[in-house]
Amino acid sequence: MADDNLQEKERVLELEHPSLVERYYKSKYIIDSQSKKDEDICILTHSNRICIVTVAEWHPLIREGKTISQIKFDVDGMNRLDNKISGKGKRGAQLLTPSSPLCQVICSDSSTYTITCGVRSQLMEVNENLLKSPHLMTKKPQTEGYVAIVLPKLGDFESATKKLLSKEEYVQKRFSGT
């Protein structure tokens, strides 16, 4: 009975005090990224066009409780850690397509996953904290465990995010099988 009361209290507090992510970002989803079954990604979109790329709740890394042994930002001959931007125009930013790999995740069971960008954009930064603490990707995917921050071009933002699923659409498609 005490556990039920504690859980109800935590749920009410979450409703009364949404997190920063819940207040300022909209969760958008891609199911089966790059036609890889169940490898869903989540893109948190802000009204200022900034997008944060994370793994979705249904991704095998989270769903199966995988233990991540290494994260490599050097993928397909492009080291995402070498991204150096400057100035208002974001000169030097790496250009990304929806299929551009951001990182490769290597698990302790030898399985590997490639996390892609999901939207046409410029790379602002990758989360270097994942190199030291890869577990953040599965434990806190929408906060400290994000993969990258990207910025779609002004004219591309609406069309790019319109193709993504809302949280409600994602839940309906992913969990109802439609």
N, C-alpha and C. Protein backbone atom coordinates (compact mmCIF):
# COMPACT_ATOMS: atom_id res chain seq x y z
N MET A 1 0.82 -1.18 0.00
CA MET A 1 0.00 0.00 0.00
C MET A 1 0.87 1.26 0.00
N ALA A 2 1.95 1.24 0.80
CA ALA A 2 2.84 2.40 0.87
C ALA A 2 3.53 2.63 -0.47
N ASP A 3 3.90 1.53 -1.15
CA ASP A 3 4.52 1.64 -2.48
C ASP A 3 3.58 2.29 -3.48
N ASP A 4 2.29 1.91 -3.43
CA ASP A 4 1.30 2.49 -4.34
C ASP A 4 1.15 3.98 -4.09
N ASN A 5 1.13 4.40 -2.83
CA ASN A 5 1.02 5.81 -2.49
C ASN A 5 2.24 6.60 -2.96
N LEU A 6 3.43 6.01 -2.81
CA LEU A 6 4.66 6.66 -3.24
C LEU A 6 4.68 6.83 -4.76
N GLN A 7 4.28 5.78 -5.48
CA GLN A 7 4.24 5.86 -6.94
C GLN A 7 3.23 6.90 -7.40
N GLU A 8 2.09 6.96 -6.77
CA GLU A 8 1.06 7.96 -7.13
C GLU A 8 1.58 9.37 -6.86
N LYS A 9 2.27 9.55 -5.74
CA LYS A 9 2.82 10.86 -5.40
C LYS A 9 3.86 11.28 -6.43
N GLU A 10 4.73 10.36 -6.85
CA GLU A 10 5.74 10.67 -7.86
C GLU A 10 5.08 11.04 -9.19
N ARG A 11 4.01 10.33 -9.56
CA ARG A 11 3.30 10.61 -10.81
C ARG A 11 2.67 12.00 -10.78
N VAL A 12 2.07 12.37 -9.66
CA VAL A 12 1.45 13.69 -9.51
C VAL A 12 2.52 14.77 -9.58
N LEU A 13 3.65 14.57 -8.92
CA LEU A 13 4.74 15.55 -8.96
C LEU A 13 5.26 15.73 -10.38
N GLU A 14 5.36 14.64 -11.15
CA GLU A 14 5.80 14.73 -12.54
C GLU A 14 4.82 15.56 -13.36
N LEU A 15 3.52 15.39 -13.10
CA LEU A 15 2.52 16.16 -13.83
C LEU A 15 2.56 17.64 -13.44
N GLU A 16 2.79 17.92 -12.16
CA GLU A 16 2.83 19.30 -11.70
C GLU A 16 4.11 20.01 -12.10
N HIS A 17 5.21 19.28 -12.17
CA HIS A 17 6.52 19.86 -12.45
C HIS A 17 7.19 19.12 -13.61
N PRO A 18 6.79 19.45 -14.83
CA PRO A 18 7.41 18.76 -15.96
C PRO A 18 8.90 19.13 -16.06
N SER A 19 9.67 18.22 -16.60
CA SER A 19 11.10 18.46 -16.74
C SER A 19 11.35 19.54 -17.79
N LEU A 20 12.56 20.02 -17.84
CA LEU A 20 12.94 21.02 -18.82
C LEU A 20 12.68 20.51 -20.24
N VAL A 21 13.01 19.27 -20.48
CA VAL A 21 12.79 18.67 -21.80
C VAL A 21 11.30 18.66 -22.13
N GLU A 22 10.48 18.26 -21.18
CA GLU A 22 9.03 18.21 -21.42
C GLU A 22 8.44 19.60 -21.65
N ARG A 23 9.00 20.61 -20.99
CA ARG A 23 8.48 21.97 -21.13
C ARG A 23 8.86 22.63 -22.45
N TYR A 24 10.08 22.43 -22.90
CA TYR A 24 10.58 23.21 -24.02
C TYR A 24 10.81 22.43 -25.32
N TYR A 25 10.76 21.12 -25.27
CA TYR A 25 11.02 20.34 -26.46
C TYR A 25 9.84 19.44 -26.79
N LYS A 26 9.63 19.21 -28.08
CA LYS A 26 8.64 18.24 -28.53
C LYS A 26 9.39 16.99 -28.96
N SER A 27 8.93 15.85 -28.48
CA SER A 27 9.54 14.58 -28.87
C SER A 27 8.98 14.15 -30.22
N LYS A 28 9.87 13.90 -31.16
CA LYS A 28 9.50 13.41 -32.48
C LYS A 28 10.27 12.11 -32.70
N TYR A 29 9.68 11.19 -33.47
CA TYR A 29 10.26 9.85 -33.57
C TYR A 29 10.40 9.37 -35.01
N ILE A 30 11.37 8.49 -35.19
CA ILE A 30 11.55 7.75 -36.43
C ILE A 30 11.56 6.28 -36.04
N ILE A 31 10.65 5.52 -36.61
CA ILE A 31 10.58 4.08 -36.35
C ILE A 31 11.48 3.36 -37.34
N ASP A 32 12.20 2.35 -36.86
CA ASP A 32 13.08 1.53 -37.70
C ASP A 32 14.03 2.39 -38.52
N SER A 33 14.81 3.21 -37.87
CA SER A 33 15.75 4.11 -38.53
C SER A 33 16.62 3.34 -39.52
N GLN A 34 16.69 3.86 -40.73
CA GLN A 34 17.47 3.25 -41.82
C GLN A 34 17.08 1.80 -42.06
N SER A 35 15.79 1.51 -41.89
CA SER A 35 15.21 0.18 -42.11
C SER A 35 15.79 -0.89 -41.20
N LYS A 36 16.33 -0.49 -40.07
CA LYS A 36 16.85 -1.45 -39.10
C LYS A 36 15.78 -1.67 -38.05
N LYS A 37 15.24 -2.88 -38.03
CA LYS A 37 14.11 -3.21 -37.19
C LYS A 37 14.31 -2.79 -35.73
N ASP A 38 13.33 -2.05 -35.23
CA ASP A 38 13.25 -1.60 -33.84
C ASP A 38 14.30 -0.56 -33.44
N GLU A 39 15.17 -0.14 -34.34
CA GLU A 39 16.19 0.85 -33.99
C GLU A 39 15.61 2.25 -34.17
N ASP A 40 14.72 2.60 -33.26
CA ASP A 40 14.02 3.88 -33.31
C ASP A 40 14.89 4.97 -32.71
N ILE A 41 14.75 6.18 -33.28
CA ILE A 41 15.44 7.31 -32.70
C ILE A 41 14.41 8.38 -32.33
N CYS A 42 14.78 9.19 -31.38
CA CYS A 42 13.94 10.29 -30.92
C CYS A 42 14.69 11.58 -31.20
N ILE A 43 13.97 12.55 -31.75
CA ILE A 43 14.56 13.86 -32.00
C ILE A 43 13.74 14.87 -31.21
N LEU A 44 14.39 15.50 -30.26
CA LEU A 44 13.73 16.51 -29.44
C LEU A 44 13.85 17.84 -30.18
N THR A 45 12.71 18.43 -30.54
CA THR A 45 12.74 19.66 -31.33
C THR A 45 12.33 20.85 -30.48
N HIS A 46 13.03 21.94 -30.66
CA HIS A 46 12.74 23.18 -29.95
C HIS A 46 12.21 24.20 -30.95
N SER A 47 11.48 25.18 -30.49
CA SER A 47 10.91 26.19 -31.39
C SER A 47 11.99 27.02 -32.09
N ASN A 48 13.21 27.03 -31.56
CA ASN A 48 14.30 27.78 -32.20
C ASN A 48 15.06 26.93 -33.24
N ARG A 49 14.53 25.78 -33.60
CA ARG A 49 15.05 24.84 -34.60
C ARG A 49 16.12 23.90 -34.06
N ILE A 50 16.59 24.08 -32.88
CA ILE A 50 17.61 23.18 -32.36
C ILE A 50 16.98 21.81 -32.13
N CYS A 51 17.68 20.78 -32.56
CA CYS A 51 17.21 19.41 -32.39
C CYS A 51 18.25 18.60 -31.62
N ILE A 52 17.77 17.80 -30.70
CA ILE A 52 18.64 16.91 -29.93
C ILE A 52 18.31 15.48 -30.33
N VAL A 53 19.31 14.77 -30.80
CA VAL A 53 19.13 13.39 -31.26
C VAL A 53 19.42 12.44 -30.10
N THR A 54 18.46 11.54 -29.84
CA THR A 54 18.60 10.55 -28.76
C THR A 54 18.11 9.20 -29.27
N VAL A 55 18.31 8.17 -28.48
CA VAL A 55 17.70 6.88 -28.82
C VAL A 55 16.30 6.86 -28.21
N ALA A 56 15.38 6.24 -28.92
CA ALA A 56 13.99 6.17 -28.46
C ALA A 56 13.82 5.06 -27.42
N GLU A 57 12.70 5.13 -26.73
CA GLU A 57 12.40 4.17 -25.66
C GLU A 57 12.35 2.73 -26.15
N TRP A 58 12.01 2.51 -27.43
CA TRP A 58 11.87 1.16 -27.95
C TRP A 58 13.16 0.63 -28.56
N HIS A 59 14.20 1.43 -28.62
CA HIS A 59 15.48 0.99 -29.19
C HIS A 59 16.00 -0.18 -28.36
N PRO A 60 16.59 -1.18 -29.01
CA PRO A 60 17.10 -2.35 -28.27
C PRO A 60 18.08 -2.00 -27.14
N LEU A 61 18.82 -0.91 -27.29
CA LEU A 61 19.74 -0.51 -26.22
C LEU A 61 19.01 -0.31 -24.90
N ILE A 62 17.84 0.30 -24.98
CA ILE A 62 17.06 0.58 -23.77
C ILE A 62 16.14 -0.59 -23.45
N ARG A 63 15.39 -1.05 -24.44
CA ARG A 63 14.39 -2.10 -24.22
C ARG A 63 15.00 -3.39 -23.69
N GLU A 64 16.16 -3.76 -24.21
CA GLU A 64 16.80 -5.01 -23.80
C GLU A 64 17.83 -4.80 -22.69
N GLY A 65 17.98 -3.57 -22.23
CA GLY A 65 18.92 -3.29 -21.14
C GLY A 65 20.36 -3.61 -21.49
N LYS A 66 20.76 -3.28 -22.70
CA LYS A 66 22.12 -3.59 -23.16
C LYS A 66 23.16 -2.83 -22.34
N THR A 67 24.31 -3.45 -22.19
CA THR A 67 25.44 -2.80 -21.55
C THR A 67 26.36 -2.29 -22.64
N ILE A 68 26.55 -0.99 -22.67
CA ILE A 68 27.38 -0.37 -23.71
C ILE A 68 28.83 -0.39 -23.26
N SER A 69 29.69 -0.95 -24.10
CA SER A 69 31.11 -0.99 -23.76
C SER A 69 31.89 0.14 -24.41
N GLN A 70 31.42 0.63 -25.57
CA GLN A 70 32.15 1.70 -26.24
C GLN A 70 31.23 2.46 -27.19
N ILE A 71 31.50 3.74 -27.34
CA ILE A 71 30.81 4.57 -28.33
C ILE A 71 31.88 5.21 -29.18
N LYS A 72 31.74 5.04 -30.51
CA LYS A 72 32.70 5.62 -31.45
C LYS A 72 32.02 6.71 -32.25
N PHE A 73 32.62 7.89 -32.24
CA PHE A 73 32.11 8.99 -33.05
C PHE A 73 32.84 9.07 -34.39
N ASP A 74 33.78 8.18 -34.63
CA ASP A 74 34.50 8.09 -35.90
C ASP A 74 33.79 7.03 -36.74
N VAL A 75 32.86 7.46 -37.59
CA VAL A 75 32.05 6.54 -38.38
C VAL A 75 32.12 6.89 -39.87
N ASP A 76 32.20 5.87 -40.68
CA ASP A 76 32.24 6.03 -42.15
C ASP A 76 33.31 7.04 -42.59
N GLY A 77 34.46 6.98 -41.97
CA GLY A 77 35.56 7.85 -42.36
C GLY A 77 35.41 9.30 -41.93
N MET A 78 34.42 9.60 -41.14
CA MET A 78 34.18 10.98 -40.67
C MET A 78 34.16 10.96 -39.15
N ASN A 79 35.09 11.69 -38.55
CA ASN A 79 35.12 11.77 -37.10
C ASN A 79 34.25 12.93 -36.65
N ARG A 80 33.15 12.63 -36.00
CA ARG A 80 32.22 13.67 -35.54
C ARG A 80 32.83 14.54 -34.44
N LEU A 81 33.87 14.04 -33.78
CA LEU A 81 34.54 14.84 -32.75
C LEU A 81 35.36 15.97 -33.35
N ASP A 82 35.68 15.88 -34.64
CA ASP A 82 36.45 16.91 -35.33
C ASP A 82 35.59 18.09 -35.76
N ASN A 83 34.31 18.07 -35.48
CA ASN A 83 33.40 19.14 -35.87
C ASN A 83 33.78 20.43 -35.15
N LYS A 84 34.17 21.44 -35.92
CA LYS A 84 34.55 22.74 -35.34
C LYS A 84 33.72 23.81 -36.04
N ILE A 85 32.86 24.47 -35.29
CA ILE A 85 32.02 25.52 -35.88
C ILE A 85 32.43 26.88 -35.34
N SER A 86 32.17 27.89 -36.16
CA SER A 86 32.48 29.23 -35.69
C SER A 86 31.51 30.23 -36.29
N GLY A 87 31.28 31.28 -35.56
CA GLY A 87 30.49 32.40 -36.04
C GLY A 87 29.00 32.16 -36.09
N LYS A 88 28.32 33.25 -36.42
CA LYS A 88 26.87 33.24 -36.48
C LYS A 88 26.35 32.28 -37.56
N GLY A 89 27.07 32.16 -38.66
CA GLY A 89 26.66 31.29 -39.77
C GLY A 89 27.02 29.83 -39.57
N LYS A 90 27.60 29.50 -38.41
CA LYS A 90 27.98 28.13 -38.07
C LYS A 90 28.94 27.54 -39.11
N ARG A 91 29.91 28.36 -39.54
CA ARG A 91 30.90 27.91 -40.51
C ARG A 91 31.68 26.72 -39.96
N GLY A 92 31.94 25.78 -40.84
CA GLY A 92 32.72 24.61 -40.47
C GLY A 92 31.90 23.45 -39.94
N ALA A 93 30.62 23.65 -39.74
CA ALA A 93 29.77 22.57 -39.22
C ALA A 93 29.66 21.46 -40.26
N GLN A 94 29.71 20.23 -39.80
CA GLN A 94 29.54 19.09 -40.70
C GLN A 94 28.08 19.04 -41.16
N LEU A 95 27.90 18.87 -42.46
CA LEU A 95 26.55 18.75 -43.02
C LEU A 95 26.08 17.31 -42.89
N LEU A 96 24.83 17.14 -42.48
CA LEU A 96 24.27 15.81 -42.24
C LEU A 96 22.99 15.60 -43.05
N THR A 97 22.80 14.38 -43.49
CA THR A 97 21.54 13.98 -44.11
C THR A 97 20.80 13.12 -43.09
N PRO A 98 19.54 12.80 -43.34
CA PRO A 98 18.84 11.93 -42.38
C PRO A 98 19.53 10.59 -42.13
N SER A 99 20.28 10.10 -43.11
CA SER A 99 20.94 8.79 -42.96
C SER A 99 22.38 8.90 -42.48
N SER A 100 22.87 10.11 -42.23
CA SER A 100 24.26 10.28 -41.77
C SER A 100 24.45 9.65 -40.40
N PRO A 101 25.46 8.78 -40.26
CA PRO A 101 25.72 8.19 -38.94
C PRO A 101 26.36 9.20 -38.01
N LEU A 102 25.89 9.23 -36.77
CA LEU A 102 26.47 10.11 -35.76
C LEU A 102 27.48 9.36 -34.90
N CYS A 103 27.13 8.11 -34.57
CA CYS A 103 28.03 7.31 -33.76
C CYS A 103 27.72 5.83 -33.93
N GLN A 104 28.67 5.03 -33.51
CA GLN A 104 28.46 3.59 -33.48
C GLN A 104 28.55 3.16 -32.02
N VAL A 105 27.56 2.38 -31.60
CA VAL A 105 27.49 1.91 -30.22
C VAL A 105 27.85 0.42 -30.21
N ILE A 106 28.84 0.07 -29.41
CA ILE A 106 29.28 -1.32 -29.29
C ILE A 106 28.92 -1.80 -27.90
N CYS A 107 28.18 -2.91 -27.86
CA CYS A 107 27.72 -3.46 -26.58
C CYS A 107 28.60 -4.60 -26.12
N SER A 108 28.48 -4.94 -24.85
CA SER A 108 29.30 -6.00 -24.25
C SER A 108 28.99 -7.37 -24.85
N ASP A 109 27.78 -7.54 -25.45
CA ASP A 109 27.43 -8.81 -26.08
C ASP A 109 27.84 -8.84 -27.56
N SER A 110 28.70 -7.90 -27.98
CA SER A 110 29.23 -7.77 -29.34
C SER A 110 28.22 -7.23 -30.36
N SER A 111 27.01 -6.88 -29.93
CA SER A 111 26.07 -6.27 -30.87
C SER A 111 26.49 -4.81 -31.09
N THR A 112 26.22 -4.31 -32.29
CA THR A 112 26.55 -2.93 -32.61
C THR A 112 25.33 -2.24 -33.20
N TYR A 113 25.24 -0.96 -32.94
CA TYR A 113 24.15 -0.14 -33.45
C TYR A 113 24.73 1.17 -33.96
N THR A 114 24.22 1.62 -35.10
CA THR A 114 24.62 2.90 -35.64
C THR A 114 23.47 3.87 -35.45
N ILE A 115 23.74 4.96 -34.75
CA ILE A 115 22.73 5.99 -34.51
C ILE A 115 22.88 7.04 -35.61
N THR A 116 21.79 7.28 -36.33
CA THR A 116 21.82 8.25 -37.44
C THR A 116 21.18 9.56 -37.02
N CYS A 117 21.36 10.55 -37.86
CA CYS A 117 20.90 11.91 -37.57
C CYS A 117 19.37 12.03 -37.63
N GLY A 118 18.75 11.50 -38.66
CA GLY A 118 17.30 11.54 -38.77
C GLY A 118 16.73 12.74 -39.51
N VAL A 119 17.46 13.85 -39.54
CA VAL A 119 17.01 15.05 -40.25
C VAL A 119 18.20 15.70 -40.97
N ARG A 120 17.92 16.36 -42.08
CA ARG A 120 18.95 17.09 -42.80
C ARG A 120 19.30 18.32 -41.96
N SER A 121 20.59 18.46 -41.63
CA SER A 121 20.98 19.51 -40.70
C SER A 121 22.48 19.72 -40.69
N GLN A 122 22.91 20.58 -39.78
CA GLN A 122 24.32 20.81 -39.50
C GLN A 122 24.60 20.30 -38.09
N LEU A 123 25.75 19.69 -37.91
CA LEU A 123 26.13 19.18 -36.60
C LEU A 123 26.67 20.31 -35.73
N MET A 124 26.03 20.53 -34.61
CA MET A 124 26.49 21.55 -33.67
C MET A 124 27.48 20.95 -32.67
N GLU A 125 27.12 19.80 -32.11
CA GLU A 125 28.03 19.12 -31.18
C GLU A 125 27.58 17.69 -30.97
N VAL A 126 28.54 16.86 -30.59
CA VAL A 126 28.23 15.50 -30.14
C VAL A 126 28.48 15.48 -28.64
N ASN A 127 27.85 14.55 -27.98
CA ASN A 127 27.96 14.44 -26.53
C ASN A 127 29.22 13.67 -26.15
N GLU A 128 30.30 14.40 -25.91
CA GLU A 128 31.57 13.77 -25.57
C GLU A 128 31.53 13.06 -24.23
N ASN A 129 30.57 13.38 -23.38
CA ASN A 129 30.43 12.70 -22.08
C ASN A 129 30.16 11.21 -22.27
N LEU A 130 29.60 10.84 -23.41
CA LEU A 130 29.32 9.43 -23.67
C LEU A 130 30.59 8.60 -23.81
N LEU A 131 31.70 9.24 -24.15
CA LEU A 131 32.97 8.51 -24.26
C LEU A 131 33.40 7.98 -22.89
N LYS A 132 33.20 8.78 -21.85
CA LYS A 132 33.58 8.38 -20.48
C LYS A 132 32.48 7.60 -19.78
N SER A 133 31.23 7.95 -20.09
CA SER A 133 30.08 7.35 -19.41
C SER A 133 29.04 6.88 -20.43
N PRO A 134 29.33 5.82 -21.18
CA PRO A 134 28.39 5.38 -22.23
C PRO A 134 27.04 4.92 -21.69
N HIS A 135 26.99 4.53 -20.42
CA HIS A 135 25.72 4.07 -19.83
C HIS A 135 24.66 5.17 -19.82
N LEU A 136 25.07 6.44 -19.90
CA LEU A 136 24.10 7.54 -19.91
C LEU A 136 23.14 7.45 -21.09
N MET A 137 23.61 6.86 -22.20
CA MET A 137 22.76 6.74 -23.38
C MET A 137 21.51 5.91 -23.09
N THR A 138 21.62 4.94 -22.21
CA THR A 138 20.47 4.10 -21.88
C THR A 138 19.78 4.52 -20.59
N LYS A 139 20.51 5.08 -19.67
CA LYS A 139 19.93 5.45 -18.37
C LYS A 139 19.24 6.81 -18.41
N LYS A 140 19.78 7.75 -19.17
CA LYS A 140 19.22 9.11 -19.25
C LYS A 140 19.27 9.60 -20.70
N PRO A 141 18.56 8.91 -21.60
CA PRO A 141 18.70 9.21 -23.03
C PRO A 141 18.26 10.62 -23.43
N GLN A 142 17.30 11.20 -22.76
CA GLN A 142 16.80 12.50 -23.19
C GLN A 142 17.43 13.67 -22.43
N THR A 143 18.38 13.37 -21.56
CA THR A 143 19.07 14.46 -20.86
C THR A 143 20.57 14.29 -21.06
N GLU A 144 21.29 13.79 -20.07
CA GLU A 144 22.74 13.66 -20.17
C GLU A 144 23.20 12.64 -21.21
N GLY A 145 22.31 11.75 -21.64
CA GLY A 145 22.68 10.69 -22.56
C GLY A 145 22.34 10.96 -24.02
N TYR A 146 22.07 12.22 -24.37
CA TYR A 146 21.77 12.53 -25.77
C TYR A 146 22.98 12.21 -26.64
N VAL A 147 22.75 12.02 -27.95
CA VAL A 147 23.83 11.69 -28.86
C VAL A 147 24.45 12.95 -29.46
N ALA A 148 23.60 13.83 -30.00
CA ALA A 148 24.12 15.02 -30.68
C ALA A 148 23.09 16.13 -30.70
N ILE A 149 23.58 17.33 -30.92
CA ILE A 149 22.73 18.49 -31.14
C ILE A 149 22.94 18.91 -32.59
N VAL A 150 21.84 19.04 -33.32
CA VAL A 150 21.91 19.40 -34.73
C VAL A 150 21.00 20.59 -34.99
N LEU A 151 21.26 21.28 -36.10
CA LEU A 151 20.48 22.46 -36.45
C LEU A 151 20.07 22.38 -37.92
N PRO A 152 18.80 22.09 -38.19
CA PRO A 152 18.33 22.10 -39.58
C PRO A 152 18.36 23.52 -40.14
N LYS A 153 18.55 23.63 -41.44
CA LYS A 153 18.51 24.95 -42.08
C LYS A 153 17.12 25.54 -41.90
N LEU A 154 17.04 26.85 -41.91
CA LEU A 154 15.80 27.56 -41.65
C LEU A 154 14.65 27.04 -42.51
N GLY A 155 14.87 26.90 -43.80
CA GLY A 155 13.81 26.43 -44.69
C GLY A 155 13.49 24.95 -44.57
N ASP A 156 14.40 24.18 -44.00
CA ASP A 156 14.23 22.73 -43.90
C ASP A 156 13.53 22.27 -42.63
N PHE A 157 13.51 23.11 -41.60
CA PHE A 157 13.03 22.68 -40.29
C PHE A 157 11.59 22.16 -40.34
N GLU A 158 10.68 22.94 -40.89
CA GLU A 158 9.27 22.53 -40.94
C GLU A 158 9.08 21.24 -41.72
N SER A 159 9.67 21.16 -42.91
CA SER A 159 9.47 19.96 -43.74
C SER A 159 10.14 18.74 -43.11
N ALA A 160 11.28 18.93 -42.49
CA ALA A 160 11.99 17.81 -41.86
C ALA A 160 11.24 17.27 -40.66
N THR A 161 10.73 18.15 -39.82
CA THR A 161 10.06 17.69 -38.60
C THR A 161 8.63 17.24 -38.88
N LYS A 162 8.04 17.69 -39.96
CA LYS A 162 6.68 17.27 -40.30
C LYS A 162 6.63 15.78 -40.63
N LYS A 163 7.73 15.23 -41.13
CA LYS A 163 7.80 13.82 -41.50
C LYS A 163 7.96 12.91 -40.28
N LEU A 164 8.33 13.49 -39.16
CA LEU A 164 8.55 12.70 -37.95
C LEU A 164 7.24 12.46 -37.21
N LEU A 165 7.21 11.40 -36.42
CA LEU A 165 6.01 11.05 -35.66
C LEU A 165 5.98 11.78 -34.32
N SER A 166 4.79 12.22 -33.93
CA SER A 166 4.62 12.80 -32.59
C SER A 166 4.70 11.65 -31.58
N LYS A 167 4.79 11.99 -30.32
CA LYS A 167 4.85 10.96 -29.27
C LYS A 167 3.60 10.08 -29.31
N GLU A 168 2.43 10.70 -29.50
CA GLU A 168 1.18 9.93 -29.56
C GLU A 168 1.16 8.98 -30.75
N GLU A 169 1.59 9.47 -31.93
CA GLU A 169 1.64 8.63 -33.13
C GLU A 169 2.64 7.49 -32.94
N TYR A 170 3.77 7.81 -32.33
CA TYR A 170 4.81 6.81 -32.09
C TYR A 170 4.28 5.69 -31.19
N VAL A 171 3.67 6.08 -30.09
CA VAL A 171 3.13 5.08 -29.15
C VAL A 171 2.09 4.23 -29.84
N GLN A 172 1.21 4.85 -30.61
CA GLN A 172 0.14 4.11 -31.30
C GLN A 172 0.75 3.13 -32.31
N LYS A 173 1.69 3.57 -33.12
CA LYS A 173 2.27 2.69 -34.15
C LYS A 173 3.16 1.62 -33.53
N ARG A 174 3.98 2.01 -32.57
CA ARG A 174 4.94 1.07 -32.01
C ARG A 174 4.27 0.01 -31.14
N PHE A 175 3.27 0.41 -30.39
CA PHE A 175 2.71 -0.52 -29.41
C PHE A 175 1.37 -1.13 -29.82
N SER A 176 0.78 -0.64 -30.90
CA SER A 176 -0.47 -1.26 -31.35
C SER A 176 -0.24 -2.08 -32.61
N GLY A 177 0.96 -1.93 -33.20
CA GLY A 177 1.29 -2.71 -34.38
C GLY A 177 0.68 -2.19 -35.67
N THR A 178 0.14 -0.95 -35.67
CA THR A 178 -0.43 -0.39 -36.90
C THR A 178 0.53 0.54 -37.56
